N, C-alpha and C. Protein backbone atom coordinates (compact mmCIF):
# COMPACT_ATOMS: atom_id res chain seq x y z
N MET A 1 68.88 54.64 32.24
CA MET A 1 67.99 55.32 31.59
C MET A 1 68.30 55.31 30.10
N PRO A 2 67.37 54.85 29.05
CA PRO A 2 67.71 54.83 27.61
C PRO A 2 68.40 56.05 27.16
N ALA A 3 69.26 55.90 26.11
CA ALA A 3 69.97 57.01 25.63
C ALA A 3 68.98 58.05 25.08
N ARG A 4 67.95 57.54 24.34
CA ARG A 4 67.02 58.51 23.71
C ARG A 4 66.28 59.33 24.63
N SER A 5 65.77 58.73 25.81
CA SER A 5 65.17 59.41 26.83
C SER A 5 66.01 60.43 27.56
N MET A 6 67.38 59.97 27.72
CA MET A 6 68.25 61.01 28.28
C MET A 6 68.49 62.21 27.32
N ARG A 7 68.59 62.06 26.15
CA ARG A 7 68.76 63.08 25.21
C ARG A 7 67.47 64.04 25.14
N ARG A 8 66.34 63.49 25.21
CA ARG A 8 65.05 64.18 25.22
C ARG A 8 65.07 65.08 26.45
N ARG A 9 65.48 64.51 27.83
CA ARG A 9 65.55 65.29 28.93
C ARG A 9 66.53 66.43 28.87
N LEU A 10 67.66 66.09 28.25
CA LEU A 10 68.76 67.10 28.18
C LEU A 10 68.22 68.24 27.27
N GLY A 11 67.60 68.04 26.20
CA GLY A 11 67.21 68.88 25.31
C GLY A 11 66.09 69.77 25.82
N ALA A 12 65.12 69.16 26.59
CA ALA A 12 64.25 70.01 27.15
C ALA A 12 64.66 70.89 28.24
N ALA A 13 65.71 70.42 28.97
CA ALA A 13 66.50 71.29 29.95
C ALA A 13 67.16 72.48 29.23
N ALA A 14 67.83 72.23 28.14
CA ALA A 14 68.44 73.31 27.33
C ALA A 14 67.44 74.29 26.93
N ALA A 15 66.33 73.83 26.45
CA ALA A 15 65.26 74.72 25.92
C ALA A 15 64.68 75.48 27.06
N ALA A 16 64.44 74.96 28.24
CA ALA A 16 64.12 75.65 29.47
C ALA A 16 65.06 76.70 29.81
N THR A 17 66.34 76.51 29.87
CA THR A 17 67.33 77.33 30.13
C THR A 17 67.34 78.58 29.16
N ALA A 18 67.37 78.27 27.88
CA ALA A 18 67.28 79.22 26.85
C ALA A 18 66.09 80.12 26.95
N LEU A 19 64.97 79.52 26.99
CA LEU A 19 63.51 80.22 26.99
C LEU A 19 63.39 81.10 28.29
N LEU A 20 63.73 80.66 29.37
CA LEU A 20 63.40 81.38 30.57
C LEU A 20 64.50 82.20 31.28
N ALA A 21 65.79 82.02 30.87
CA ALA A 21 66.99 82.70 31.40
C ALA A 21 66.69 84.18 31.25
N ALA A 22 67.24 84.91 32.34
CA ALA A 22 67.27 86.33 32.18
C ALA A 22 68.01 86.83 31.01
N SER A 23 67.54 87.83 30.44
CA SER A 23 68.17 88.42 29.26
C SER A 23 69.53 89.31 29.82
N ALA A 24 70.56 89.04 29.01
CA ALA A 24 71.82 89.87 29.38
C ALA A 24 71.62 91.33 29.09
N GLY A 25 70.67 91.72 28.17
CA GLY A 25 70.56 93.20 27.74
C GLY A 25 69.71 93.87 28.86
N PRO A 26 69.61 95.17 28.70
CA PRO A 26 68.88 96.07 29.67
C PRO A 26 67.48 95.86 29.46
N GLY A 27 66.71 95.90 30.53
CA GLY A 27 65.31 95.71 30.61
C GLY A 27 64.70 97.10 30.16
N LEU A 28 63.86 96.97 29.04
CA LEU A 28 63.27 98.11 28.50
C LEU A 28 61.78 98.17 28.51
N ALA A 29 61.29 97.87 29.87
CA ALA A 29 59.76 97.82 29.97
C ALA A 29 59.12 99.13 29.59
N GLN A 30 58.17 99.12 28.72
CA GLN A 30 57.40 100.38 28.37
C GLN A 30 55.91 99.87 28.13
N GLY A 31 55.13 100.91 28.08
CA GLY A 31 53.60 100.55 27.68
C GLY A 31 53.53 100.02 26.21
N GLN A 32 52.63 99.00 26.03
CA GLN A 32 52.57 98.32 24.65
C GLN A 32 52.15 99.69 23.64
N ALA A 33 51.36 100.50 24.15
CA ALA A 33 50.91 101.54 23.20
C ALA A 33 51.95 102.33 22.61
N ALA A 34 53.15 102.37 23.15
CA ALA A 34 54.24 103.16 22.76
C ALA A 34 54.84 102.73 21.51
N VAL A 35 54.47 101.38 21.12
CA VAL A 35 54.97 100.86 19.88
C VAL A 35 54.33 101.36 18.61
N TYR A 36 53.07 101.76 18.93
CA TYR A 36 52.21 102.05 17.82
C TYR A 36 52.00 103.61 17.58
N ASP A 37 51.98 103.96 16.32
CA ASP A 37 52.02 105.39 15.96
C ASP A 37 51.08 105.63 14.67
N PRO A 38 50.20 106.58 14.67
CA PRO A 38 49.99 107.62 15.69
C PRO A 38 49.01 107.13 16.78
N GLN A 39 49.11 107.90 17.90
CA GLN A 39 48.33 107.39 19.00
C GLN A 39 46.95 107.99 19.04
N PRO A 40 46.01 107.04 19.36
CA PRO A 40 44.54 107.41 19.54
C PRO A 40 44.31 108.45 20.70
N PRO A 41 43.10 109.05 20.81
CA PRO A 41 42.79 110.06 21.77
C PRO A 41 43.03 109.40 23.23
N PRO A 42 43.28 110.16 24.23
CA PRO A 42 43.62 109.61 25.60
C PRO A 42 42.39 109.04 26.24
N ASP A 43 41.13 109.06 25.89
CA ASP A 43 39.94 108.47 26.46
C ASP A 43 39.72 107.25 25.75
N SER A 44 40.64 106.65 25.00
CA SER A 44 40.46 105.36 24.23
C SER A 44 41.09 104.19 25.00
N ALA A 45 40.55 102.95 24.57
CA ALA A 45 41.13 101.67 25.10
C ALA A 45 41.32 100.90 24.00
N TYR A 46 42.20 99.75 24.12
CA TYR A 46 42.41 98.75 22.94
C TYR A 46 41.51 97.48 23.37
N VAL A 47 40.92 97.00 22.33
CA VAL A 47 39.93 95.79 22.54
C VAL A 47 40.04 94.79 21.47
N ARG A 48 40.28 93.54 21.72
CA ARG A 48 40.29 92.49 20.83
C ARG A 48 39.25 91.42 21.21
N PHE A 49 38.77 90.62 20.29
CA PHE A 49 37.75 89.54 20.63
C PHE A 49 38.31 88.18 20.21
N VAL A 50 37.89 87.13 21.18
CA VAL A 50 38.54 85.80 20.70
C VAL A 50 37.26 84.78 20.80
N ASN A 51 37.11 83.99 19.58
CA ASN A 51 36.23 83.02 19.49
C ASN A 51 36.59 81.81 20.14
N THR A 52 35.99 81.29 21.26
CA THR A 52 36.31 80.08 21.95
C THR A 52 35.31 78.87 21.55
N LEU A 53 34.47 79.16 20.62
CA LEU A 53 33.51 78.19 20.35
C LEU A 53 33.94 77.25 19.27
N GLY A 54 33.13 76.25 18.86
CA GLY A 54 33.44 75.33 17.84
C GLY A 54 32.75 75.67 16.55
N GLU A 55 32.10 76.81 16.54
CA GLU A 55 31.58 77.24 15.20
C GLU A 55 31.83 78.91 15.11
N GLU A 56 31.47 79.27 13.90
CA GLU A 56 31.78 80.66 13.57
C GLU A 56 30.95 81.72 14.49
N VAL A 57 31.44 82.82 14.93
CA VAL A 57 30.86 83.81 15.70
C VAL A 57 30.67 85.13 14.95
N ALA A 58 29.46 85.60 14.83
CA ALA A 58 29.27 86.95 14.29
C ALA A 58 29.22 88.05 15.32
N LEU A 59 30.13 89.12 15.43
CA LEU A 59 30.13 90.12 16.21
C LEU A 59 29.54 91.40 15.95
N ARG A 60 28.85 92.17 16.72
CA ARG A 60 28.31 93.37 16.32
C ARG A 60 28.56 94.40 17.47
N PRO A 61 29.83 94.81 17.62
CA PRO A 61 30.14 95.80 18.57
C PRO A 61 29.56 97.15 18.22
N ALA A 62 28.87 98.00 19.21
CA ALA A 62 28.51 99.33 18.85
C ALA A 62 29.52 100.22 18.69
N PHE A 63 30.87 100.02 19.03
CA PHE A 63 31.90 100.96 18.93
C PHE A 63 33.05 100.51 17.88
N LEU A 64 32.87 99.32 17.25
CA LEU A 64 33.73 99.02 16.29
C LEU A 64 32.91 98.36 15.05
N PRO A 65 33.50 98.07 13.83
CA PRO A 65 32.94 97.47 12.87
C PRO A 65 32.55 96.05 13.24
N ALA A 66 31.55 95.41 12.47
CA ALA A 66 31.01 94.19 12.80
C ALA A 66 32.25 93.12 12.26
N ALA A 67 32.27 91.95 12.86
CA ALA A 67 33.34 91.05 12.41
C ALA A 67 32.75 89.64 12.43
N ARG A 68 33.37 88.75 11.68
CA ARG A 68 33.10 87.26 11.88
C ARG A 68 34.46 86.58 12.27
N LEU A 69 34.34 85.72 13.38
CA LEU A 69 35.39 85.07 13.90
C LEU A 69 35.24 83.60 13.51
N GLY A 70 36.09 82.98 12.60
CA GLY A 70 36.06 81.56 12.41
C GLY A 70 36.60 80.63 13.40
N THR A 71 36.93 79.36 13.08
CA THR A 71 37.34 78.32 13.95
C THR A 71 38.79 77.81 13.79
N LYS A 72 39.37 78.33 12.76
CA LYS A 72 40.81 77.94 12.63
C LYS A 72 41.67 78.89 13.48
N PRO A 73 42.83 78.45 13.82
CA PRO A 73 43.51 79.25 14.93
C PRO A 73 43.83 80.75 14.39
N GLU A 74 44.09 80.98 13.08
CA GLU A 74 44.34 82.22 12.57
C GLU A 74 43.06 83.06 12.42
N GLU A 75 41.95 82.37 12.55
CA GLU A 75 40.59 83.23 12.58
C GLU A 75 39.91 83.52 13.83
N ARG A 76 40.51 82.96 14.86
CA ARG A 76 39.71 83.00 16.16
C ARG A 76 40.04 84.49 16.93
N VAL A 77 41.25 85.05 16.65
CA VAL A 77 41.59 86.25 17.36
C VAL A 77 41.67 87.50 16.61
N THR A 78 40.95 88.59 16.91
CA THR A 78 41.08 89.83 16.23
C THR A 78 42.31 90.59 16.60
N PRO A 79 42.68 91.45 15.74
CA PRO A 79 43.72 92.50 16.27
C PRO A 79 43.16 93.33 17.38
N PHE A 80 43.87 93.97 18.16
CA PHE A 80 43.40 95.01 19.05
C PHE A 80 43.03 96.19 18.27
N ALA A 81 41.91 96.69 18.67
CA ALA A 81 41.37 97.89 17.88
C ALA A 81 41.04 98.92 18.94
N VAL A 82 41.04 100.14 18.55
CA VAL A 82 40.73 101.40 19.32
C VAL A 82 39.21 101.53 19.70
N ALA A 83 38.85 101.53 20.76
CA ALA A 83 37.48 101.87 21.27
C ALA A 83 37.48 103.25 21.88
N GLN A 84 36.87 104.16 21.29
CA GLN A 84 36.85 105.64 21.74
C GLN A 84 35.88 105.84 22.87
N ARG A 85 36.35 106.98 23.60
CA ARG A 85 35.33 107.49 24.61
C ARG A 85 34.90 106.47 25.69
N VAL A 86 35.74 105.84 26.26
CA VAL A 86 35.48 104.78 27.23
C VAL A 86 35.45 105.37 28.65
N THR A 87 35.84 106.60 28.89
CA THR A 87 35.80 107.23 30.28
C THR A 87 34.52 107.47 30.73
N GLY A 88 34.24 107.85 32.05
CA GLY A 88 33.12 108.09 32.74
C GLY A 88 32.10 107.00 32.91
N GLY A 89 32.65 105.69 32.89
CA GLY A 89 31.85 104.60 33.07
C GLY A 89 30.88 104.24 31.91
N ARG A 90 31.38 104.67 30.87
CA ARG A 90 30.42 104.25 29.58
C ARG A 90 30.44 102.94 29.29
N GLU A 91 29.31 102.56 28.97
CA GLU A 91 28.99 101.02 28.60
C GLU A 91 29.22 100.90 27.16
N MET A 92 30.00 99.87 26.78
CA MET A 92 30.36 99.48 25.47
C MET A 92 29.53 98.35 24.97
N VAL A 93 28.47 98.40 24.31
CA VAL A 93 27.64 97.23 23.96
C VAL A 93 28.22 96.42 22.81
N VAL A 94 28.19 95.13 22.96
CA VAL A 94 28.59 94.12 22.05
C VAL A 94 27.40 93.08 21.85
N GLU A 95 27.00 92.77 20.72
CA GLU A 95 26.06 91.76 20.40
C GLU A 95 26.82 90.63 19.72
N ALA A 96 26.56 89.28 19.89
CA ALA A 96 27.16 88.23 19.26
C ALA A 96 26.15 87.12 18.98
N SER A 97 26.35 86.31 18.02
CA SER A 97 25.66 85.27 17.59
C SER A 97 26.38 84.17 17.03
N ALA A 98 26.03 82.89 17.32
CA ALA A 98 26.72 81.70 16.71
C ALA A 98 25.57 80.64 16.62
N GLY A 99 25.08 80.28 15.44
CA GLY A 99 24.07 79.30 15.31
C GLY A 99 22.83 79.81 15.85
N SER A 100 22.20 79.09 16.73
CA SER A 100 20.96 79.54 17.41
C SER A 100 21.19 80.33 18.70
N ARG A 101 22.62 80.46 19.10
CA ARG A 101 22.86 81.12 20.52
C ARG A 101 23.17 82.52 20.06
N THR A 102 22.72 83.41 21.02
CA THR A 102 22.98 84.86 21.03
C THR A 102 23.46 85.24 22.29
N GLY A 103 23.98 86.50 22.33
CA GLY A 103 24.56 87.17 23.55
C GLY A 103 24.63 88.65 23.41
N ARG A 104 24.54 89.24 24.48
CA ARG A 104 24.72 90.73 24.48
C ARG A 104 25.43 91.12 25.86
N ALA A 105 26.35 92.03 25.74
CA ALA A 105 27.01 92.46 26.88
C ALA A 105 27.24 93.92 26.82
N ALA A 106 27.22 94.63 27.93
CA ALA A 106 27.67 96.09 28.18
C ALA A 106 29.08 96.10 28.92
N LEU A 107 30.13 96.23 28.17
CA LEU A 107 31.37 96.30 28.95
C LEU A 107 31.94 97.47 29.21
N LYS A 108 32.96 97.70 30.21
CA LYS A 108 33.52 98.95 30.61
C LYS A 108 35.00 98.60 30.61
N PHE A 109 35.60 99.63 30.00
CA PHE A 109 37.09 99.62 29.79
C PHE A 109 37.73 100.97 30.38
N GLU A 110 38.87 100.84 30.87
CA GLU A 110 39.63 101.95 31.42
C GLU A 110 40.49 102.56 30.20
N SER A 111 40.63 103.87 30.34
CA SER A 111 41.35 104.47 29.24
C SER A 111 42.73 104.11 29.28
N GLY A 112 43.42 103.93 28.01
CA GLY A 112 44.74 103.41 27.96
C GLY A 112 44.84 101.84 28.17
N SER A 113 43.86 101.26 28.41
CA SER A 113 44.09 99.76 28.80
C SER A 113 44.05 98.87 27.48
N PHE A 114 44.48 97.56 27.73
CA PHE A 114 44.38 96.71 26.68
C PHE A 114 43.47 95.63 27.13
N ASN A 115 42.45 95.17 26.41
CA ASN A 115 41.54 94.37 26.90
C ASN A 115 41.20 93.20 25.60
N THR A 116 41.12 91.89 26.30
CA THR A 116 40.77 90.84 25.55
C THR A 116 39.47 90.21 25.88
N VAL A 117 38.49 90.16 25.08
CA VAL A 117 37.14 89.78 25.28
C VAL A 117 37.03 88.21 24.84
N LEU A 118 36.70 87.30 25.71
CA LEU A 118 36.49 85.95 25.29
C LEU A 118 35.08 85.83 25.05
N VAL A 119 34.68 85.24 23.88
CA VAL A 119 33.22 84.92 23.62
C VAL A 119 33.17 83.32 23.87
N GLN A 120 32.27 83.14 24.88
CA GLN A 120 32.03 81.79 25.44
C GLN A 120 30.59 81.38 25.50
N VAL A 121 30.41 80.12 25.58
CA VAL A 121 29.01 79.44 25.67
C VAL A 121 28.78 79.43 27.14
N GLN A 122 27.49 79.85 27.41
CA GLN A 122 27.05 79.52 28.81
C GLN A 122 25.49 79.02 28.63
N GLY A 123 25.34 77.89 28.71
CA GLY A 123 24.01 77.19 28.51
C GLY A 123 23.69 77.31 27.00
N ASN A 124 22.53 77.93 26.82
CA ASN A 124 22.16 78.18 25.37
C ASN A 124 22.48 79.54 24.88
N SER A 125 23.19 80.28 25.68
CA SER A 125 23.51 81.71 25.32
C SER A 125 25.07 81.80 25.21
N LEU A 126 25.47 83.08 24.78
CA LEU A 126 26.79 83.42 24.61
C LEU A 126 27.13 84.67 25.64
N VAL A 127 28.10 84.42 26.21
CA VAL A 127 28.73 85.46 27.14
C VAL A 127 30.02 85.99 26.78
N MET A 128 30.22 87.25 27.21
CA MET A 128 31.68 87.67 26.88
C MET A 128 32.33 88.02 28.00
N LYS A 129 33.50 87.43 28.25
CA LYS A 129 34.32 87.63 29.48
C LYS A 129 35.50 88.55 29.14
N PRO A 130 35.47 89.69 29.82
CA PRO A 130 36.74 90.58 29.37
C PRO A 130 38.03 90.19 30.31
N VAL A 131 39.08 90.38 29.78
CA VAL A 131 40.31 90.12 30.54
C VAL A 131 41.05 91.44 30.27
N VAL A 132 41.64 92.11 31.32
CA VAL A 132 42.46 93.25 31.32
C VAL A 132 43.86 92.59 31.07
N ASP A 133 44.59 93.11 29.93
CA ASP A 133 45.85 92.55 29.61
C ASP A 133 46.98 93.31 30.32
N GLN A 134 48.13 92.70 30.63
CA GLN A 134 49.32 93.39 30.92
C GLN A 134 49.88 94.15 29.85
N ALA A 135 50.19 95.31 29.90
CA ALA A 135 50.60 96.15 28.75
C ALA A 135 52.04 96.52 28.86
N ASP A 136 52.85 95.92 29.85
CA ASP A 136 54.43 96.13 29.77
C ASP A 136 55.04 95.05 29.13
N PHE A 137 56.19 95.44 28.42
CA PHE A 137 56.85 94.36 27.73
C PHE A 137 58.46 94.83 27.68
N ASN A 138 59.31 93.90 27.27
CA ASN A 138 60.71 94.33 27.26
C ASN A 138 61.24 94.06 25.78
N ARG A 139 61.66 95.10 25.24
CA ARG A 139 62.01 95.17 23.86
C ARG A 139 63.08 94.27 23.50
N ALA A 140 63.85 93.90 24.49
CA ALA A 140 64.94 92.99 24.27
C ALA A 140 64.49 91.43 24.36
N ARG A 141 63.37 91.30 24.72
CA ARG A 141 62.79 89.80 24.91
C ARG A 141 61.38 89.71 24.29
N SER A 142 60.75 88.69 24.20
CA SER A 142 59.49 88.32 23.81
C SER A 142 58.52 88.36 24.82
N ARG A 143 57.36 88.89 24.81
CA ARG A 143 56.30 88.77 25.73
C ARG A 143 55.31 87.73 25.38
N LEU A 144 55.15 86.78 26.38
CA LEU A 144 54.28 85.52 26.33
C LEU A 144 53.20 85.68 27.19
N SER A 145 51.93 85.68 26.67
CA SER A 145 50.71 85.68 27.64
C SER A 145 50.01 84.20 27.39
N PHE A 146 49.48 83.75 28.49
CA PHE A 146 48.86 82.51 28.54
C PHE A 146 47.44 82.72 28.99
N TYR A 147 46.48 82.55 28.15
CA TYR A 147 44.95 82.65 28.46
C TYR A 147 44.25 81.31 28.73
N ASN A 148 43.74 81.10 29.88
CA ASN A 148 42.87 80.03 30.08
C ASN A 148 41.44 80.30 29.58
N ALA A 149 41.10 80.08 28.43
CA ALA A 149 39.95 80.45 27.78
C ALA A 149 38.77 79.42 27.90
N THR A 150 39.10 78.56 28.85
CA THR A 150 37.99 77.51 29.17
C THR A 150 37.09 78.07 30.33
N THR A 151 35.98 77.27 30.54
CA THR A 151 35.26 77.53 31.63
C THR A 151 35.35 76.68 32.92
N ASP A 152 36.32 75.67 32.75
CA ASP A 152 36.19 74.40 33.73
C ASP A 152 37.60 74.04 34.06
N CYS A 153 38.62 74.62 33.47
CA CYS A 153 39.95 74.10 33.95
C CYS A 153 40.39 75.19 35.11
N ALA A 154 40.34 74.45 36.36
CA ALA A 154 40.42 75.35 37.53
C ALA A 154 41.90 75.97 37.59
N SER A 155 42.97 75.40 37.07
CA SER A 155 44.30 75.93 37.18
C SER A 155 45.08 75.43 36.05
N ALA A 156 45.08 76.20 34.96
CA ALA A 156 45.74 75.81 33.77
C ALA A 156 47.29 76.15 33.82
N SER A 157 48.15 75.47 33.01
CA SER A 157 49.52 75.86 32.89
C SER A 157 50.02 75.62 31.64
N ALA A 158 50.99 76.34 31.06
CA ALA A 158 51.82 76.24 29.95
C ALA A 158 53.10 75.80 30.29
N VAL A 159 53.51 74.50 29.78
CA VAL A 159 54.71 73.95 30.26
C VAL A 159 55.48 73.64 29.03
N LEU A 160 56.98 73.44 29.31
CA LEU A 160 57.76 72.96 28.20
C LEU A 160 57.64 71.44 27.96
N ALA A 161 57.37 71.00 26.86
CA ALA A 161 57.08 69.57 26.69
C ALA A 161 58.43 68.87 26.38
N PRO A 162 58.67 67.55 26.68
CA PRO A 162 57.58 66.78 27.12
C PRO A 162 57.41 66.87 28.78
N ASN A 163 58.35 67.06 29.58
CA ASN A 163 58.33 67.07 30.88
C ASN A 163 59.08 68.27 31.51
N GLY A 164 59.14 69.37 30.88
CA GLY A 164 59.90 70.41 31.36
C GLY A 164 59.15 71.29 32.36
N PRO A 165 59.76 72.39 32.87
CA PRO A 165 59.13 73.23 33.79
C PRO A 165 58.00 74.15 33.29
N ALA A 166 57.11 74.71 34.10
CA ALA A 166 56.01 75.59 33.72
C ALA A 166 56.57 76.79 33.28
N VAL A 167 56.15 77.46 32.17
CA VAL A 167 56.46 78.73 31.56
C VAL A 167 55.46 79.66 32.32
N LEU A 168 54.18 79.22 32.43
CA LEU A 168 53.14 80.12 33.13
C LEU A 168 52.13 79.07 33.64
N GLU A 169 51.88 79.31 34.99
CA GLU A 169 50.98 78.25 35.70
C GLU A 169 50.05 78.91 36.61
N GLN A 170 49.04 78.15 37.04
CA GLN A 170 48.02 78.57 38.00
C GLN A 170 47.20 79.57 37.43
N VAL A 171 46.86 79.32 36.17
CA VAL A 171 45.87 80.45 35.56
C VAL A 171 44.51 79.99 35.61
N ALA A 172 43.72 80.78 36.24
CA ALA A 172 42.22 80.44 36.45
C ALA A 172 41.46 80.63 35.31
N PRO A 173 40.11 79.95 35.18
CA PRO A 173 39.39 80.22 34.15
C PRO A 173 39.05 81.72 33.68
N GLY A 174 39.17 82.05 32.51
CA GLY A 174 38.80 83.31 32.04
C GLY A 174 39.89 84.44 32.48
N THR A 175 40.97 84.00 32.80
CA THR A 175 42.06 84.89 33.08
C THR A 175 43.29 84.69 32.32
N ALA A 176 44.33 85.36 32.55
CA ALA A 176 45.61 85.24 31.72
C ALA A 176 46.64 85.65 32.79
N LYS A 177 48.05 85.19 32.43
CA LYS A 177 49.22 85.65 32.95
C LYS A 177 50.23 85.81 31.83
N ALA A 178 51.25 86.60 32.10
CA ALA A 178 52.27 87.02 31.07
C ALA A 178 53.68 87.07 31.74
N ARG A 179 54.75 86.98 30.83
CA ARG A 179 56.13 87.15 31.29
C ARG A 179 56.85 87.28 30.11
N SER A 180 58.15 87.76 30.33
CA SER A 180 59.02 87.98 29.09
C SER A 180 59.88 86.70 29.06
N VAL A 181 60.22 86.25 27.94
CA VAL A 181 60.97 85.16 27.59
C VAL A 181 62.04 85.51 26.46
N ASN A 182 63.07 84.58 26.38
CA ASN A 182 63.97 84.80 25.24
C ASN A 182 63.48 84.17 24.10
N PRO A 183 63.74 84.91 22.86
CA PRO A 183 63.03 84.51 21.63
C PRO A 183 63.83 83.20 21.08
N VAL A 184 63.42 82.04 21.50
CA VAL A 184 63.95 80.77 21.14
C VAL A 184 62.90 79.83 20.76
N THR A 185 63.31 78.67 20.21
CA THR A 185 62.42 77.62 19.77
C THR A 185 62.14 76.44 20.96
N ALA A 186 60.93 76.13 21.11
CA ALA A 186 60.76 75.25 22.12
C ALA A 186 59.41 74.63 21.84
N GLU A 187 58.98 73.43 22.50
CA GLU A 187 57.75 72.85 22.33
C GLU A 187 56.93 73.05 23.66
N ILE A 188 55.67 73.54 23.48
CA ILE A 188 54.94 73.88 24.54
C ILE A 188 53.67 72.98 24.64
N ARG A 189 53.23 72.67 25.77
CA ARG A 189 52.01 71.92 26.00
C ARG A 189 51.18 72.67 27.21
N ALA A 190 49.90 72.83 26.93
CA ALA A 190 48.95 73.55 27.76
C ALA A 190 48.18 72.35 28.59
N ASP A 191 48.42 72.46 29.87
CA ASP A 191 47.75 71.51 30.73
C ASP A 191 46.50 72.10 31.47
N CYS A 192 45.49 71.20 31.53
CA CYS A 192 44.34 71.59 32.43
C CYS A 192 44.42 70.92 33.79
N SER A 193 44.77 69.75 33.85
CA SER A 193 44.93 69.05 35.13
C SER A 193 45.64 67.70 34.80
N PRO A 194 46.12 67.02 35.80
CA PRO A 194 46.78 65.73 35.48
C PRO A 194 45.91 64.88 34.57
N GLY A 195 46.58 64.39 33.48
CA GLY A 195 45.82 63.63 32.49
C GLY A 195 45.00 64.46 31.49
N GLN A 196 44.75 65.66 31.68
CA GLN A 196 44.18 66.50 30.66
C GLN A 196 45.07 67.61 30.15
N SER A 197 45.42 67.35 28.91
CA SER A 197 46.35 68.30 28.19
C SER A 197 45.89 68.46 26.64
N ALA A 198 46.19 69.64 26.28
CA ALA A 198 46.15 69.81 24.84
C ALA A 198 47.33 69.34 24.01
N PRO A 199 47.19 68.99 22.81
CA PRO A 199 48.34 68.50 22.12
C PRO A 199 49.42 69.62 22.12
N ALA A 200 50.73 69.11 22.16
CA ALA A 200 51.83 70.08 22.20
C ALA A 200 51.97 70.69 20.78
N PHE A 201 52.48 71.99 20.87
CA PHE A 201 52.87 72.74 19.69
C PHE A 201 54.10 73.31 19.69
N GLN A 202 54.55 73.60 18.61
CA GLN A 202 56.02 74.32 18.41
C GLN A 202 55.96 75.73 18.61
N LEU A 203 56.80 76.29 19.61
CA LEU A 203 56.97 77.74 19.89
C LEU A 203 58.31 78.22 19.01
N SER A 204 57.97 78.74 17.99
CA SER A 204 59.01 79.21 17.19
C SER A 204 58.73 80.49 16.49
N GLY A 205 59.76 81.09 15.83
CA GLY A 205 59.54 82.45 15.25
C GLY A 205 59.38 83.63 16.12
N LEU A 206 59.71 83.40 17.31
CA LEU A 206 59.54 84.52 18.18
C LEU A 206 60.54 85.66 17.92
N GLU A 207 60.19 86.92 18.18
CA GLU A 207 61.12 87.98 17.88
C GLU A 207 61.23 88.98 19.14
N ALA A 208 62.46 89.47 19.25
CA ALA A 208 62.67 90.36 20.35
C ALA A 208 61.67 91.62 20.16
N GLY A 209 60.95 91.80 21.32
CA GLY A 209 60.09 92.92 21.25
C GLY A 209 58.62 92.53 20.82
N GLY A 210 58.51 91.23 20.37
CA GLY A 210 57.25 90.81 19.87
C GLY A 210 56.41 90.34 21.02
N MET A 211 55.01 90.40 20.87
CA MET A 211 54.16 89.91 21.90
C MET A 211 53.35 88.87 21.39
N TYR A 212 53.14 87.79 22.06
CA TYR A 212 52.40 86.49 21.67
C TYR A 212 51.53 86.04 22.63
N SER A 213 50.49 85.33 22.23
CA SER A 213 49.54 84.84 23.13
C SER A 213 49.32 83.32 22.97
N ILE A 214 49.38 82.49 24.06
CA ILE A 214 49.01 81.06 24.03
C ILE A 214 47.46 81.04 24.45
N TRP A 215 46.71 80.14 23.84
CA TRP A 215 45.30 79.97 24.08
C TRP A 215 44.98 78.54 24.49
N LEU A 216 44.39 78.38 25.43
CA LEU A 216 43.75 77.12 25.77
C LEU A 216 42.17 77.19 25.88
N MET A 217 41.48 76.38 25.12
CA MET A 217 40.16 76.35 25.00
C MET A 217 39.57 74.98 24.70
N ARG A 218 38.25 74.84 24.91
CA ARG A 218 37.56 73.64 24.77
C ARG A 218 36.43 73.77 23.62
N PRO A 219 36.69 74.09 22.49
CA PRO A 219 35.64 74.53 21.49
C PRO A 219 34.45 73.61 21.40
N ASP A 220 34.55 72.22 21.50
CA ASP A 220 33.44 71.37 21.29
C ASP A 220 32.95 70.90 22.68
N GLY A 221 33.35 71.43 23.72
CA GLY A 221 33.03 71.23 25.15
C GLY A 221 33.59 69.97 25.62
N ARG A 222 34.46 69.20 24.86
CA ARG A 222 35.16 68.04 25.43
C ARG A 222 36.62 68.13 25.16
N ASN A 223 37.07 68.34 24.10
CA ASN A 223 38.52 68.08 23.73
C ASN A 223 39.26 69.42 24.03
N LEU A 224 40.50 69.41 24.52
CA LEU A 224 41.18 70.66 24.67
C LEU A 224 42.04 71.06 23.47
N VAL A 225 42.08 72.31 23.13
CA VAL A 225 42.96 72.61 21.99
C VAL A 225 43.70 73.81 22.47
N SER A 226 45.12 73.93 21.89
CA SER A 226 45.88 75.04 22.26
C SER A 226 46.55 75.50 21.13
N PHE A 227 46.85 76.80 21.00
CA PHE A 227 47.67 77.36 19.95
C PHE A 227 48.30 78.64 20.38
N ILE A 228 49.17 79.27 19.51
CA ILE A 228 49.78 80.50 19.79
C ILE A 228 49.35 81.49 18.63
N SER A 229 49.32 82.73 18.95
CA SER A 229 49.08 83.82 17.99
C SER A 229 49.93 85.00 18.30
N ARG A 230 50.20 85.83 17.29
CA ARG A 230 51.12 86.99 17.55
C ARG A 230 50.09 88.09 17.70
N ASP A 231 50.35 88.86 18.85
CA ASP A 231 49.47 90.06 18.99
C ASP A 231 49.61 91.18 18.08
N THR A 232 48.66 91.75 17.50
CA THR A 232 48.70 92.71 16.45
C THR A 232 47.68 93.81 16.97
N THR A 233 47.90 95.00 16.50
CA THR A 233 47.10 96.12 16.78
C THR A 233 46.58 96.89 15.43
N ALA A 234 45.29 97.07 15.16
CA ALA A 234 44.85 97.75 13.97
C ALA A 234 45.43 99.23 14.02
N ARG A 235 45.82 99.64 13.00
CA ARG A 235 46.52 101.16 12.91
C ARG A 235 45.22 102.08 13.25
N TRP A 236 45.51 103.05 14.16
CA TRP A 236 44.62 104.13 14.41
C TRP A 236 44.74 105.04 13.28
N ARG A 237 43.47 105.46 12.65
CA ARG A 237 43.55 106.34 11.39
C ARG A 237 42.74 107.56 11.74
N GLY A 238 42.16 107.83 12.94
CA GLY A 238 41.55 109.04 13.35
C GLY A 238 40.42 109.42 12.84
C-alpha cells in the first residue's frame, strides 16, 4: 500500500476514534430547553424551518413573524422559535411561496417539543414536512443530528471521509437521527447510495454542549449538497 494512502487511512481511523469514543466525563443528559432562559409558557413548542429548494422561500406562519429563507447554507435554516398555545390539537397554519410554487400546511406540535419543518417541492407545489427532534444532549460532548432532507434518498448516511465508519446511518427521507460526539475536527461526507454522495466538508469548531445539524438535500433536483449548521434558539421575550 502506498505510504500516502496508509497515512490517510491511519488519519481517518484516528479521527473516528476521537470523534466517536465515549466521553471520559459524566453524562449530563438534559432537555435542550434547560439551556435557555427565560422559559416560555408550558403550552409552547420550539419550531424552526429549513429551505431545501434551489430558490428563496417566503414563509408566513400564523404563529411566528414572516421570514425569507435564502439558498446559502447560512440562510437556509432559521433559529428555533417559540410557538405558543400548541396544546389541545391546535393546528398551526403555515403558508409558503417560492417563485410560482405555493403551499399551505396545518401543523400540530406537542408542548415542550423541538420541531424542524422541511420546506420541500412536491410537483408544482410546496409541502412542509415536520420532524420531531431529539431534545436530550450531553453537556460534556457535542450533539450531532443528521437530516435526510431529500425526498428520494432511501437510506442516507453521514460518514467520516474518505473511507471511515458511519457517524449516523440508515436515515430515511424526511427524518433525522442524532448522537453525542466528542468535539474534534474531522471530514464528513453525506451519502445517499453507492456512487451518490455530496462533496465532503470539514467538521470543525464543535464545542462541548453545542448542538449541530448536518443537512443532506438536493436543491436543484439533481445534485446532492451537504453542510453543517449550529442549532440556535431565538430568545423568548414573553
